């Protein structure tokens, strides 16, 4: 005797209720995943290209915070 599968709501799934994803669904999944990772790679490369070492340092952040507290 096999264990039946269950859907997200706890209902048992039958062989008739299980559908294979269509070609369009698979294509959209691959296209969306590819677009996401291309965007991630583009952001990482742009950050590496335009990074300036002296801009993001702790001393500058402390000076900004002190200026903010002085203004309050």
PDB file of N, CA and C in Angstrom:
ATOM      1  N   UNK A   1       0.851  -1.173   0.000  1.00  0.00           N
ATOM      2  CA  UNK A   1       0.000   0.000   0.000  1.00  0.00           C
ATOM      3  C   UNK A   1       0.902   1.244   0.000  1.00  0.00           C
ATOM      4  N   UNK A   2       0.628   2.160  -0.893  1.00  0.00           N
ATOM      5  CA  UNK A   2       1.460   3.361  -1.004  1.00  0.00           C
ATOM      6  C   UNK A   2       0.880   4.491  -0.182  1.00  0.00           C
ATOM      7  N   UNK A   3       1.759   5.389   0.250  1.00  0.00           N
ATOM      8  CA  UNK A   3       1.319   6.569   0.994  1.00  0.00           C
ATOM      9  C   UNK A   3       0.831   7.621   0.010  1.00  0.00           C
ATOM     10  N   UNK A   4      -0.375   8.146   0.227  1.00  0.00           N
ATOM     11  CA  UNK A   4      -0.841   9.189  -0.693  1.00  0.00           C
ATOM     12  C   UNK A   4      -0.115  10.501  -0.408  1.00  0.00           C
ATOM     13  N   UNK A   5       0.063  11.319  -1.444  1.00  0.00           N
ATOM     14  CA  UNK A   5       0.638  12.637  -1.272  1.00  0.00           C
ATOM     15  C   UNK A   5      -0.426  13.610  -0.803  1.00  0.00           C
ATOM     16  N   UNK A   6      -0.016  14.673  -0.196  1.00  0.00           N
ATOM     17  CA  UNK A   6      -0.942  15.683   0.301  1.00  0.00           C
ATOM     18  C   UNK A   6      -0.567  17.040  -0.274  1.00  0.00           C
ATOM     19  N   UNK A   7      -1.579  17.862  -0.551  1.00  0.00           N
ATOM     20  CA  UNK A   7      -1.309  19.206  -1.046  1.00  0.00           C
ATOM     21  C   UNK A   7      -1.042  20.148   0.129  1.00  0.00           C
ATOM     22  N   UNK A   8      -0.902  21.427  -0.164  1.00  0.00           N
ATOM     23  CA  UNK A   8      -0.542  22.406   0.864  1.00  0.00           C
ATOM     24  C   UNK A   8      -1.617  22.562   1.938  1.00  0.00           C
ATOM     25  N   UNK A   9      -2.857  22.189   1.634  1.00  0.00           N
ATOM     26  CA  UNK A   9      -3.946  22.347   2.585  1.00  0.00           C
ATOM     27  C   UNK A   9      -4.274  21.050   3.312  1.00  0.00           C
ATOM     28  N   UNK A  10      -3.492  19.992   3.104  1.00  0.00           N
ATOM     29  CA  UNK A  10      -3.695  18.742   3.806  1.00  0.00           C
ATOM     30  C   UNK A  10      -4.632  17.780   3.122  1.00  0.00           C
ATOM     31  N   UNK A  11      -5.122  18.130   1.939  1.00  0.00           N
ATOM     32  CA  UNK A  11      -6.015  17.239   1.207  1.00  0.00           C
ATOM     33  C   UNK A  11      -5.192  16.187   0.472  1.00  0.00           C
ATOM     34  N   UNK A  12      -5.654  14.944   0.451  1.00  0.00           N
ATOM     35  CA  UNK A  12      -4.910  13.918  -0.286  1.00  0.00           C
ATOM     36  C   UNK A  12      -4.959  14.200  -1.784  1.00  0.00           C
ATOM     37  N   UNK A  13      -3.852  13.937  -2.447  1.00  0.00           N
ATOM     38  CA  UNK A  13      -3.759  14.162  -3.887  1.00  0.00           C
ATOM     39  C   UNK A  13      -3.944  12.833  -4.607  1.00  0.00           C
ATOM     40  N   UNK A  14      -4.769  12.850  -5.622  1.00  0.00           N
ATOM     41  CA  UNK A  14      -4.974  11.663  -6.435  1.00  0.00           C
ATOM     42  C   UNK A  14      -4.206  11.822  -7.736  1.00  0.00           C
ATOM     43  N   UNK A  15      -4.118  10.740  -8.473  1.00  0.00           N
ATOM     44  CA  UNK A  15      -3.383  10.777  -9.736  1.00  0.00           C
ATOM     45  C   UNK A  15      -4.039  11.733 -10.721  1.00  0.00           C
ATOM     46  N   UNK A  16      -5.367  11.892 -10.648  1.00  0.00           N
ATOM     47  CA  UNK A  16      -6.066  12.782 -11.570  1.00  0.00           C
ATOM     48  C   UNK A  16      -5.803  14.251 -11.237  1.00  0.00           C
ATOM     49  N   UNK A  17      -5.546  14.552  -9.952  1.00  0.00           N
ATOM     50  CA  UNK A  17      -5.380  15.951  -9.544  1.00  0.00           C
ATOM     51  C   UNK A  17      -3.960  16.470  -9.765  1.00  0.00           C
ATOM     52  N   UNK A  18      -3.016  15.577 -10.021  1.00  0.00           N
ATOM     53  CA  UNK A  18      -1.631  15.992 -10.236  1.00  0.00           C
ATOM     54  C   UNK A  18      -1.450  16.312 -11.714  1.00  0.00           C
ATOM     55  N   UNK A  19      -1.044  17.543 -11.988  1.00  0.00           N
ATOM     56  CA  UNK A  19      -0.805  17.955 -13.363  1.00  0.00           C
ATOM     57  C   UNK A  19       0.671  18.260 -13.544  1.00  0.00           C
ATOM     58  N   UNK A  20       1.196  17.954 -14.678  1.00  0.00           N
ATOM     59  CA  UNK A  20       2.569  18.324 -14.978  1.00  0.00           C
ATOM     60  C   UNK A  20       2.577  19.762 -15.476  1.00  0.00           C
ATOM     61  N   UNK A  21       3.606  20.517 -15.132  1.00  0.00           N
ATOM     62  CA  UNK A  21       3.645  21.907 -15.586  1.00  0.00           C
ATOM     63  C   UNK A  21       3.771  21.976 -17.107  1.00  0.00           C
ATOM     64  N   UNK A  22       3.135  22.967 -17.674  1.00  0.00           N
ATOM     65  CA  UNK A  22       3.175  23.137 -19.119  1.00  0.00           C
ATOM     66  C   UNK A  22       4.492  23.728 -19.580  1.00  0.00           C
ATOM     67  N   UNK A  23       4.641  23.785 -20.892  1.00  0.00           N
ATOM     68  CA  UNK A  23       5.878  24.330 -21.463  1.00  0.00           C
ATOM     69  C   UNK A  23       6.031  25.804 -21.152  1.00  0.00           C
ATOM     70  N   UNK A  24       4.937  26.540 -21.202  1.00  0.00           N
ATOM     71  CA  UNK A  24       5.007  27.980 -20.921  1.00  0.00           C
ATOM     72  C   UNK A  24       5.403  28.226 -19.479  1.00  0.00           C
ATOM     73  N   UNK A  25       4.881  27.427 -18.568  1.00  0.00           N
ATOM     74  CA  UNK A  25       5.214  27.578 -17.158  1.00  0.00           C
ATOM     75  C   UNK A  25       6.693  27.300 -16.920  1.00  0.00           C
ATOM     76  N   UNK A  26       7.207  26.260 -17.531  1.00  0.00           N
ATOM     77  CA  UNK A  26       8.632  25.931 -17.382  1.00  0.00           C
ATOM     78  C   UNK A  26       9.501  27.026 -17.983  1.00  0.00           C
ATOM     79  N   UNK A  27       9.083  27.553 -19.142  1.00  0.00           N
ATOM     80  CA  UNK A  27       9.859  28.603 -19.791  1.00  0.00           C
ATOM     81  C   UNK A  27       9.866  29.867 -18.940  1.00  0.00           C
ATOM     82  N   UNK A  28       8.704  30.238 -18.384  1.00  0.00           N
ATOM     83  CA  UNK A  28       8.642  31.431 -17.543  1.00  0.00           C
ATOM     84  C   UNK A  28       9.483  31.272 -16.281  1.00  0.00           C
ATOM     85  N   UNK A  29       9.494  30.077 -15.714  1.00  0.00           N
ATOM     86  CA  UNK A  29      10.311  29.829 -14.526  1.00  0.00           C
ATOM     87  C   UNK A  29      11.789  30.008 -14.858  1.00  0.00           C
ATOM     88  N   UNK A  30      12.235  29.419 -15.965  1.00  0.00           N
ATOM     89  CA  UNK A  30      13.648  29.560 -16.353  1.00  0.00           C
ATOM     90  C   UNK A  30      13.989  31.000 -16.704  1.00  0.00           C
ATOM     91  N   UNK A  31      13.098  31.693 -17.400  1.00  0.00           N
ATOM     92  CA  UNK A  31      13.352  33.085 -17.785  1.00  0.00           C
ATOM     93  C   UNK A  31      13.413  33.986 -16.559  1.00  0.00           C
ATOM     94  N   UNK A  32      12.502  33.796 -15.614  1.00  0.00           N
ATOM     95  CA  UNK A  32      12.507  34.605 -14.401  1.00  0.00           C
ATOM     96  C   UNK A  32      13.729  34.355 -13.543  1.00  0.00           C
ATOM     97  N   UNK A  33      14.117  33.091 -13.420  1.00  0.00           N
ATOM     98  CA  UNK A  33      15.306  32.757 -12.643  1.00  0.00           C
ATOM     99  C   UNK A  33      16.551  33.343 -13.290  1.00  0.00           C
ATOM    100  N   UNK A  34      16.633  33.244 -14.606  1.00  0.00           N
ATOM    101  CA  UNK A  34      17.793  33.805 -15.318  1.00  0.00           C
ATOM    102  C   UNK A  34      17.848  35.319 -15.169  1.00  0.00           C
ATOM    103  N   UNK A  35      16.700  35.979 -15.288  1.00  0.00           N
ATOM    104  CA  UNK A  35      16.675  37.438 -15.138  1.00  0.00           C
ATOM    105  C   UNK A  35      17.097  37.854 -13.740  1.00  0.00           C
ATOM    106  N   UNK A  36      16.643  37.120 -12.733  1.00  0.00           N
ATOM    107  CA  UNK A  36      17.026  37.432 -11.363  1.00  0.00           C
ATOM    108  C   UNK A  36      18.536  37.331 -11.175  1.00  0.00           C
ATOM    109  N   UNK A  37      19.143  36.224 -11.613  1.00  0.00           N
ATOM    110  CA  UNK A  37      20.578  36.044 -11.400  1.00  0.00           C
ATOM    111  C   UNK A  37      21.408  36.987 -12.256  1.00  0.00           C
ATOM    112  N   UNK A  38      20.915  37.369 -13.436  1.00  0.00           N
ATOM    113  CA  UNK A  38      21.614  38.382 -14.227  1.00  0.00           C
ATOM    114  C   UNK A  38      21.590  39.734 -13.515  1.00  0.00           C
ATOM    115  N   UNK A  39      20.469  40.051 -12.898  1.00  0.00           N
ATOM    116  CA  UNK A  39      20.375  41.293 -12.127  1.00  0.00           C
ATOM    117  C   UNK A  39      21.317  41.263 -10.927  1.00  0.00           C
ATOM    118  N   UNK A  40      21.374  40.153 -10.221  1.00  0.00           N
ATOM    119  CA  UNK A  40      22.295  40.018  -9.083  1.00  0.00           C
ATOM    120  C   UNK A  40      23.732  40.187  -9.541  1.00  0.00           C
ATOM    121  N   UNK A  41      24.100  39.498 -10.621  1.00  0.00           N
ATOM    122  CA  UNK A  41      25.471  39.603 -11.130  1.00  0.00           C
ATOM    123  C   UNK A  41      25.777  41.037 -11.564  1.00  0.00           C
ATOM    124  N   UNK A  42      24.826  41.708 -12.209  1.00  0.00           N
ATOM    125  CA  UNK A  42      25.040  43.091 -12.635  1.00  0.00           C
ATOM    126  C   UNK A  42      25.255  44.030 -11.464  1.00  0.00           C
ATOM    127  N   UNK A  43      24.481  43.838 -10.394  1.00  0.00           N
ATOM    128  CA  UNK A  43      24.637  44.687  -9.213  1.00  0.00           C
ATOM    129  C   UNK A  43      25.982  44.445  -8.547  1.00  0.00           C
ATOM    130  N   UNK A  44      26.381  43.192  -8.429  1.00  0.00           N
ATOM    131  CA  UNK A  44      27.678  42.875  -7.808  1.00  0.00           C
ATOM    132  C   UNK A  44      28.823  43.448  -8.632  1.00  0.00           C
ATOM    133  N   UNK A  45      28.748  43.316  -9.945  1.00  0.00           N
ATOM    134  CA  UNK A  45      29.814  43.849 -10.804  1.00  0.00           C
ATOM    135  C   UNK A  45      29.846  45.372 -10.739  1.00  0.00           C
ATOM    136  N   UNK A  46      28.684  46.026 -10.732  1.00  0.00           N
ATOM    137  CA  UNK A  46      28.641  47.487 -10.643  1.00  0.00           C
ATOM    138  C   UNK A  46      29.189  47.962  -9.304  1.00  0.00           C
ATOM    139  N   UNK A  47      28.858  47.249  -8.223  1.00  0.00           N
ATOM    140  CA  UNK A  47      29.405  47.621  -6.909  1.00  0.00           C
ATOM    141  C   UNK A  47      30.922  47.485  -6.888  1.00  0.00           C
ATOM    142  N   UNK A  48      31.426  46.423  -7.504  1.00  0.00           N
ATOM    143  CA  UNK A  48      32.872  46.226  -7.539  1.00  0.00           C
ATOM    144  C   UNK A  48      33.550  47.288  -8.398  1.00  0.00           C
ATOM    145  N   UNK A  49      32.912  47.696  -9.483  1.00  0.00           N
ATOM    146  CA  UNK A  49      33.513  48.671 -10.391  1.00  0.00           C
ATOM    147  C   UNK A  49      33.534  50.078  -9.787  1.00  0.00           C
ATOM    148  N   UNK A  50      32.512  50.437  -9.037  1.00  0.00           N
ATOM    149  CA  UNK A  50      32.410  51.796  -8.522  1.00  0.00           C
ATOM    150  C   UNK A  50      32.735  51.919  -7.035  1.00  0.00           C
ATOM    151  N   UNK A  51      33.331  50.904  -6.458  1.00  0.00           N
ATOM    152  CA  UNK A  51      33.656  50.926  -5.041  1.00  0.00           C
ATOM    153  C   UNK A  51      34.846  51.835  -4.792  1.00  0.00           C
ATOM    154  N   UNK A  52      34.713  52.720  -3.798  1.00  0.00           N
ATOM    155  CA  UNK A  52      35.819  53.572  -3.367  1.00  0.00           C
ATOM    156  C   UNK A  52      36.107  53.220  -1.923  1.00  0.00           C
ATOM    157  N   UNK A  53      37.325  52.832  -1.642  1.00  0.00           N
ATOM    158  CA  UNK A  53      37.682  52.306  -0.328  1.00  0.00           C
ATOM    159  C   UNK A  53      37.539  53.350   0.780  1.00  0.00           C
ATOM    160  N   UNK A  54      37.835  54.614   0.524  1.00  0.00           N
ATOM    161  CA  UNK A  54      37.813  55.617   1.569  1.00  0.00           C
ATOM    162  C   UNK A  54      36.436  56.143   1.917  1.00  0.00           C
ATOM    163  N   UNK A  55      35.438  55.847   1.111  1.00  0.00           N
ATOM    164  CA  UNK A  55      34.116  56.420   1.330  1.00  0.00           C
ATOM    165  C   UNK A  55      33.378  55.719   2.467  1.00  0.00           C
ATOM    166  N   UNK A  56      33.461  54.408   2.535  1.00  0.00           N
ATOM    167  CA  UNK A  56      32.710  53.648   3.530  1.00  0.00           C
ATOM    168  C   UNK A  56      33.626  53.172   4.646  1.00  0.00           C
ATOM    169  N   UNK A  57      34.053  54.102   5.497  1.00  0.00           N
ATOM    170  CA  UNK A  57      34.881  53.685   6.626  1.00  0.00           C
ATOM    171  C   UNK A  57      34.182  54.051   7.938  1.00  0.00           C
ATOM    172  N   UNK A  58      34.636  53.452   9.004  1.00  0.00           N
ATOM    173  CA  UNK A  58      33.974  53.596  10.297  1.00  0.00           C
ATOM    174  C   UNK A  58      34.115  55.010  10.850  1.00  0.00           C
ATOM    175  N   UNK A  59      35.258  55.640  10.667  1.00  0.00           N
ATOM    176  CA  UNK A  59      35.470  56.996  11.182  1.00  0.00           C
ATOM    177  C   UNK A  59      34.474  57.980  10.577  1.00  0.00           C
ATOM    178  N   UNK A  60      34.231  57.844   9.314  1.00  0.00           N
ATOM    179  CA  UNK A  60      33.284  58.741   8.656  1.00  0.00           C
ATOM    180  C   UNK A  60      31.866  58.507   9.178  1.00  0.00           C
ATOM    181  N   UNK A  61      31.512  57.249   9.430  1.00  0.00           N
ATOM    182  CA  UNK A  61      30.185  56.932   9.969  1.00  0.00           C
ATOM    183  C   UNK A  61      30.023  57.503  11.375  1.00  0.00           C
ATOM    184  N   UNK A  62      31.067  57.426  12.192  1.00  0.00           N
ATOM    185  CA  UNK A  62      31.015  57.977  13.550  1.00  0.00           C
ATOM    186  C   UNK A  62      30.879  59.497  13.497  1.00  0.00           C
ATOM    187  N   UNK A  63      31.611  60.131  12.602  1.00  0.00           N
ATOM    188  CA  UNK A  63      31.518  61.586  12.468  1.00  0.00           C
ATOM    189  C   UNK A  63      30.116  61.998  12.018  1.00  0.00           C
ATOM    190  N   UNK A  64      29.513  61.238  11.119  1.00  0.00           N
ATOM    191  CA  UNK A  64      28.152  61.523  10.680  1.00  0.00           C
ATOM    192  C   UNK A  64      27.170  61.374  11.833  1.00  0.00           C
ATOM    193  N   UNK A  65      27.315  60.313  12.623  1.00  0.00           N
ATOM    194  CA  UNK A  65      26.426  60.093  13.765  1.00  0.00           C
ATOM    195  C   UNK A  65      26.573  61.191  14.803  1.00  0.00           C
ATOM    196  N   UNK A  66      27.808  61.637  15.047  1.00  0.00           N
ATOM    197  CA  UNK A  66      28.033  62.720  16.013  1.00  0.00           C
ATOM    198  C   UNK A  66      27.409  64.022  15.500  1.00  0.00           C
ATOM    199  N   UNK A  67      27.518  64.284  14.217  1.00  0.00           N
ATOM    200  CA  UNK A  67      26.889  65.461  13.642  1.00  0.00           C
ATOM    201  C   UNK A  67      25.376  65.400  13.734  1.00  0.00           C
ATOM    202  N   UNK A  68      24.817  64.197  13.568  1.00  0.00           N
ATOM    203  CA  UNK A  68      23.384  64.024  13.690  1.00  0.00           C
ATOM    204  C   UNK A  68      22.913  64.278  15.106  1.00  0.00           C
ATOM    205  N   UNK A  69      23.644  63.719  16.099  1.00  0.00           N
ATOM    206  CA  UNK A  69      23.272  63.938  17.497  1.00  0.00           C
ATOM    207  C   UNK A  69      23.471  65.398  17.907  1.00  0.00           C
ATOM    208  N   UNK A  70      24.476  66.053  17.345  1.00  0.00           N
ATOM    209  CA  UNK A  70      24.698  67.464  17.669  1.00  0.00           C
ATOM    210  C   UNK A  70      23.562  68.332  17.119  1.00  0.00           C
ATOM    211  N   UNK A  71      23.008  67.921  15.989  1.00  0.00           N
ATOM    212  CA  UNK A  71      21.919  68.705  15.394  1.00  0.00           C
ATOM    213  C   UNK A  71      20.620  68.541  16.171  1.00  0.00           C
ATOM    214  N   UNK A  72      20.489  67.426  16.886  1.00  0.00           N
ATOM    215  CA  UNK A  72      19.271  67.214  17.665  1.00  0.00           C
ATOM    216  C   UNK A  72      19.364  67.994  18.950  1.00  0.00           C
TER     217      UNK A  72
END
